[in-house]
């Protein structure tokens, strides 16, 4: 029948045909740009500021109390305490506002 080289060339021709013929037959359409919009609520400027301050406040107090040298009790009171208190207060007020 076929020799080894002819069989390899025939397989290569079939593979190329599988990839090239569909490209030649299908019309080219420009890619459609899809607009991706996130559903839900976006963060307001004051909320973003509150989040940033919630990260910076404890970091500043950690440096002030030298947290790496056993300043954990004071850091818990002055560093983490106000952040937890502020977010708890916001949570309670948001619950009261939604109840109305």
C-alpha atoms as a PDB file:
ATOM      1  CA  UNK A   1       0.000   0.000   0.000  1.00  0.00           C
ATOM      2  CA  UNK A   2       1.514   3.288   1.182  1.00  0.00           C
ATOM      3  CA  UNK A   3       5.027   3.631   2.359  1.00  0.00           C
ATOM      4  CA  UNK A   4       5.837   5.252   5.748  1.00  0.00           C
ATOM      5  CA  UNK A   5       6.450   8.770   4.422  1.00  0.00           C
ATOM      6  CA  UNK A   6       3.239   8.785   2.372  1.00  0.00           C
ATOM      7  CA  UNK A   7       1.208   7.757   5.421  1.00  0.00           C
ATOM      8  CA  UNK A   8       2.727  10.539   7.527  1.00  0.00           C
ATOM      9  CA  UNK A   9       2.053  13.085   4.769  1.00  0.00           C
ATOM     10  CA  UNK A  10      -1.544  11.863   4.443  1.00  0.00           C
ATOM     11  CA  UNK A  11      -2.122  12.218   8.218  1.00  0.00           C
ATOM     12  CA  UNK A  12      -0.563  15.701   8.101  1.00  0.00           C
ATOM     13  CA  UNK A  13      -2.823  16.646   5.191  1.00  0.00           C
ATOM     14  CA  UNK A  14      -5.920  15.444   7.083  1.00  0.00           C
ATOM     15  CA  UNK A  15      -4.939  17.377  10.228  1.00  0.00           C
ATOM     16  CA  UNK A  16      -4.267  20.554   8.227  1.00  0.00           C
ATOM     17  CA  UNK A  17      -7.589  20.092   6.461  1.00  0.00           C
ATOM     18  CA  UNK A  18      -9.394  19.815   9.790  1.00  0.00           C
ATOM     19  CA  UNK A  19      -7.951  23.136  10.910  1.00  0.00           C
ATOM     20  CA  UNK A  20      -7.886  25.083   7.621  1.00  0.00           C
ATOM     21  CA  UNK A  21     -11.198  24.217   5.940  1.00  0.00           C
ATOM     22  CA  UNK A  22     -13.452  25.540   8.734  1.00  0.00           C
ATOM     23  CA  UNK A  23     -11.481  28.817   8.733  1.00  0.00           C
ATOM     24  CA  UNK A  24     -11.867  29.213   4.983  1.00  0.00           C
ATOM     25  CA  UNK A  25     -15.602  28.461   4.996  1.00  0.00           C
ATOM     26  CA  UNK A  26     -16.778  30.530   7.973  1.00  0.00           C
ATOM     27  CA  UNK A  27     -17.206  34.284   7.414  1.00  0.00           C
ATOM     28  CA  UNK A  28     -15.095  36.631   9.488  1.00  0.00           C
ATOM     29  CA  UNK A  29     -17.060  38.725  11.943  1.00  0.00           C
ATOM     30  CA  UNK A  30     -15.426  41.467  13.965  1.00  0.00           C
ATOM     31  CA  UNK A  31     -15.274  40.474  17.629  1.00  0.00           C
ATOM     32  CA  UNK A  32     -18.099  41.961  19.638  1.00  0.00           C
ATOM     33  CA  UNK A  33     -17.107  43.966  22.646  1.00  0.00           C
ATOM     34  CA  UNK A  34     -19.047  43.025  25.707  1.00  0.00           C
ATOM     35  CA  UNK A  35     -19.547  45.453  28.522  1.00  0.00           C
ATOM     36  CA  UNK A  36     -19.137  43.813  31.880  1.00  0.00           C
ATOM     37  CA  UNK A  37     -21.030  45.528  34.655  1.00  0.00           C
ATOM     38  CA  UNK A  38     -20.905  44.467  38.228  1.00  0.00           C
ATOM     39  CA  UNK A  39     -24.257  44.081  39.784  1.00  0.00           C
ATOM     40  CA  UNK A  40     -24.886  45.343  43.231  1.00  0.00           C
ATOM     41  CA  UNK A  41     -23.895  48.365  45.155  1.00  0.00           C
ATOM     42  CA  UNK A  42     -20.690  50.273  44.546  1.00  0.00           C
ATOM     43  CA  UNK A  43     -18.624  51.735  47.347  1.00  0.00           C
ATOM     44  CA  UNK A  44     -19.127  55.405  48.025  1.00  0.00           C
ATOM     45  CA  UNK A  45     -16.255  57.784  48.720  1.00  0.00           C
ATOM     46  CA  UNK A  46     -16.901  57.935  52.495  1.00  0.00           C
ATOM     47  CA  UNK A  47     -17.075  54.132  52.674  1.00  0.00           C
ATOM     48  CA  UNK A  48     -13.758  53.821  50.843  1.00  0.00           C
ATOM     49  CA  UNK A  49     -12.226  56.362  53.201  1.00  0.00           C
ATOM     50  CA  UNK A  50     -13.542  54.404  56.190  1.00  0.00           C
ATOM     51  CA  UNK A  51     -12.027  51.175  54.866  1.00  0.00           C
ATOM     52  CA  UNK A  52      -8.641  52.802  54.270  1.00  0.00           C
ATOM     53  CA  UNK A  53      -8.659  54.405  57.713  1.00  0.00           C
ATOM     54  CA  UNK A  54      -9.632  51.055  59.239  1.00  0.00           C
ATOM     55  CA  UNK A  55      -6.423  49.634  57.808  1.00  0.00           C
ATOM     56  CA  UNK A  56      -4.141  52.596  58.500  1.00  0.00           C
ATOM     57  CA  UNK A  57      -5.264  53.309  62.099  1.00  0.00           C
ATOM     58  CA  UNK A  58      -4.193  49.938  63.561  1.00  0.00           C
ATOM     59  CA  UNK A  59      -1.013  49.982  61.475  1.00  0.00           C
ATOM     60  CA  UNK A  60      -0.059  53.392  62.876  1.00  0.00           C
ATOM     61  CA  UNK A  61      -0.758  52.305  66.462  1.00  0.00           C
ATOM     62  CA  UNK A  62       1.181  49.092  65.931  1.00  0.00           C
ATOM     63  CA  UNK A  63       4.218  51.166  65.054  1.00  0.00           C
ATOM     64  CA  UNK A  64       3.545  53.606  67.919  1.00  0.00           C
ATOM     65  CA  UNK A  65       3.277  50.878  70.577  1.00  0.00           C
ATOM     66  CA  UNK A  66       6.015  48.741  68.993  1.00  0.00           C
ATOM     67  CA  UNK A  67       3.715  45.764  68.804  1.00  0.00           C
ATOM     68  CA  UNK A  68       6.626  43.439  68.145  1.00  0.00           C
ATOM     69  CA  UNK A  69       7.957  44.272  71.652  1.00  0.00           C
ATOM     70  CA  UNK A  70       4.998  43.158  73.829  1.00  0.00           C
ATOM     71  CA  UNK A  71       2.700  46.155  73.351  1.00  0.00           C
ATOM     72  CA  UNK A  72      -0.316  43.953  72.704  1.00  0.00           C
ATOM     73  CA  UNK A  73      -2.633  45.183  75.499  1.00  0.00           C
ATOM     74  CA  UNK A  74      -2.287  48.878  74.648  1.00  0.00           C
ATOM     75  CA  UNK A  75      -2.531  48.102  70.928  1.00  0.00           C
ATOM     76  CA  UNK A  76      -5.765  46.196  71.502  1.00  0.00           C
ATOM     77  CA  UNK A  77      -7.246  49.185  73.325  1.00  0.00           C
ATOM     78  CA  UNK A  78      -6.062  52.061  71.124  1.00  0.00           C
ATOM     79  CA  UNK A  79      -5.363  50.361  67.809  1.00  0.00           C
ATOM     80  CA  UNK A  80      -8.080  47.814  67.232  1.00  0.00           C
ATOM     81  CA  UNK A  81     -10.651  49.130  69.718  1.00  0.00           C
ATOM     82  CA  UNK A  82     -11.706  52.300  67.862  1.00  0.00           C
ATOM     83  CA  UNK A  83     -11.963  50.442  64.559  1.00  0.00           C
ATOM     84  CA  UNK A  84     -14.176  47.730  66.039  1.00  0.00           C
ATOM     85  CA  UNK A  85     -16.262  50.336  67.852  1.00  0.00           C
ATOM     86  CA  UNK A  86     -16.740  52.474  64.722  1.00  0.00           C
ATOM     87  CA  UNK A  87     -17.761  49.562  62.496  1.00  0.00           C
ATOM     88  CA  UNK A  88     -20.081  48.189  65.203  1.00  0.00           C
ATOM     89  CA  UNK A  89     -21.741  51.590  65.506  1.00  0.00           C
ATOM     90  CA  UNK A  90     -22.153  51.798  61.724  1.00  0.00           C
ATOM     91  CA  UNK A  91     -23.659  48.314  61.681  1.00  0.00           C
ATOM     92  CA  UNK A  92     -26.186  49.189  64.407  1.00  0.00           C
ATOM     93  CA  UNK A  93     -27.144  52.473  62.735  1.00  0.00           C
ATOM     94  CA  UNK A  94     -27.555  50.756  59.359  1.00  0.00           C
ATOM     95  CA  UNK A  95     -29.864  48.220  61.001  1.00  0.00           C
ATOM     96  CA  UNK A  96     -31.966  50.990  62.549  1.00  0.00           C
ATOM     97  CA  UNK A  97     -32.118  52.804  59.213  1.00  0.00           C
ATOM     98  CA  UNK A  98     -33.267  49.680  57.364  1.00  0.00           C
ATOM     99  CA  UNK A  99     -35.893  48.912  59.997  1.00  0.00           C
ATOM    100  CA  UNK A 100     -37.774  52.131  59.261  1.00  0.00           C
END
